Each structure stands twice: as structure tokens, then as C-alpha cells.
């Protein structure tokens, strides 16, 4: 059976996001899309594979953990106590 092409609006609804996110993901994250004339078209199976592969993952989730913010505050407080 042939899979139908779907629009930006349909992909946004399928993923539960706004249209702007779809356009941003095409440009920045390689969301699989095909430009037909001036319209973007998608195969939902390709979009679902991209999501399962981590393509929609938030950039913050990909970055390695850094020092917790609390550690910085404790250091400043400790320094202030030592200076007093």
C-alpha cells in the first residue's frame, strides 16, 4: 500500500507541536521533508523514524551535564563567610 504525502499542518498535529516547530526542525535538525513547489510534504513513517532516532530531542538533553547551579551558590556563600 502506498503511503500518502501529508502537509506541515498534519505533521504538526501528528506530533502535537506548532507549525513553527516543524519548519525549525526542517532547517536545524534534519526533519525528513520534501519540497514540492513551494510546499513541504512528508511521509509520516519517515517522520516517526526520525523521532524514534532522537531527531526531535531537545538540544539541552544532548549536552553533557555541567556543575549544578547550587554548587556555585554554595561557593559564593562560603567565600563571603571566609571574607567576613
Protein backbone atom coordinates (compact mmCIF):
# COMPACT_ATOMS: atom_id res chain seq x y z
CA UNK A 1 0.00 0.00 0.00
CA UNK A 2 1.26 3.47 -0.90
CA UNK A 3 1.73 5.94 1.92
CA UNK A 4 0.14 9.35 1.35
CA UNK A 5 2.03 12.63 1.48
CA UNK A 6 0.99 14.90 4.34
CA UNK A 7 1.29 18.65 4.97
CA UNK A 8 3.12 20.69 7.61
CA UNK A 9 -0.17 21.14 9.47
CA UNK A 10 -0.80 17.38 9.53
CA UNK A 11 2.71 16.61 10.78
CA UNK A 12 2.40 19.27 13.49
CA UNK A 13 -0.91 17.76 14.61
CA UNK A 14 0.55 14.23 14.48
CA UNK A 15 3.46 15.25 16.73
CA UNK A 16 1.46 17.61 18.93
CA UNK A 17 3.56 20.70 18.17
CA UNK A 18 3.02 24.02 16.40
CA UNK A 19 3.81 24.57 12.71
CA UNK A 20 6.79 26.80 13.51
CA UNK A 21 8.48 23.86 15.24
CA UNK A 22 8.17 21.79 12.05
CA UNK A 23 9.83 24.49 9.93
CA UNK A 24 12.56 24.98 12.54
CA UNK A 25 13.23 21.21 12.69
CA UNK A 26 13.50 21.02 8.89
CA UNK A 27 16.20 23.70 8.91
CA UNK A 28 18.07 22.92 12.12
CA UNK A 29 17.58 19.24 12.86
CA UNK A 30 17.11 17.50 9.54
CA UNK A 31 13.43 16.58 9.82
CA UNK A 32 12.83 14.48 6.68
CA UNK A 33 10.79 16.67 4.34
CA UNK A 34 10.37 17.03 0.61
CA UNK A 35 9.75 20.38 -1.05
CA UNK A 36 7.19 20.12 -3.82
CA UNK A 37 6.91 23.50 -5.47
CA UNK A 38 6.59 25.90 -2.56
CA UNK A 39 5.04 23.34 -0.20
CA UNK A 40 6.73 20.96 2.23
CA UNK A 41 5.41 17.38 2.16
CA UNK A 42 6.15 14.48 4.48
CA UNK A 43 5.76 10.73 4.86
CA UNK A 44 4.64 10.04 8.43
CA UNK A 45 6.72 6.84 8.52
CA UNK A 46 9.88 8.91 7.83
CA UNK A 47 8.89 11.47 10.48
CA UNK A 48 8.21 8.72 13.04
CA UNK A 49 11.58 7.08 12.30
CA UNK A 50 13.30 10.46 12.74
CA UNK A 51 11.61 10.98 16.11
CA UNK A 52 12.50 7.44 17.29
CA UNK A 53 16.10 8.08 16.23
CA UNK A 54 16.34 11.10 18.52
CA UNK A 55 15.92 13.80 15.88
CA UNK A 56 13.36 15.74 17.91
CA UNK A 57 15.43 15.57 21.07
CA UNK A 58 15.86 18.91 22.83
CA UNK A 59 19.36 20.36 22.43
CA UNK A 60 19.61 20.63 26.23
CA UNK A 61 19.10 16.87 26.53
CA UNK A 62 22.05 16.19 24.21
CA UNK A 63 24.55 18.31 26.14
CA UNK A 64 26.66 16.74 28.87
CA UNK A 65 25.74 17.69 32.41
CA UNK A 66 27.54 20.65 33.94
CA UNK A 67 28.05 21.70 37.54
CA UNK A 68 24.76 22.10 39.38
CA UNK A 69 23.75 25.71 39.99
CA UNK A 70 23.56 25.06 43.72
CA UNK A 71 27.29 24.35 43.83
CA UNK A 72 28.05 27.84 42.54
CA UNK A 73 25.83 29.45 45.19
CA UNK A 74 27.43 27.45 47.98
CA UNK A 75 30.87 28.50 46.81
CA UNK A 76 29.90 32.19 46.81
CA UNK A 77 28.34 31.91 50.25
CA UNK A 78 31.38 30.09 51.62
CA UNK A 79 33.70 32.73 50.16
CA UNK A 80 31.62 35.52 51.72
CA UNK A 81 31.78 33.82 55.13
CA UNK A 82 35.55 33.40 54.87
CA UNK A 83 35.99 37.06 53.92
CA UNK A 84 33.91 38.27 56.88
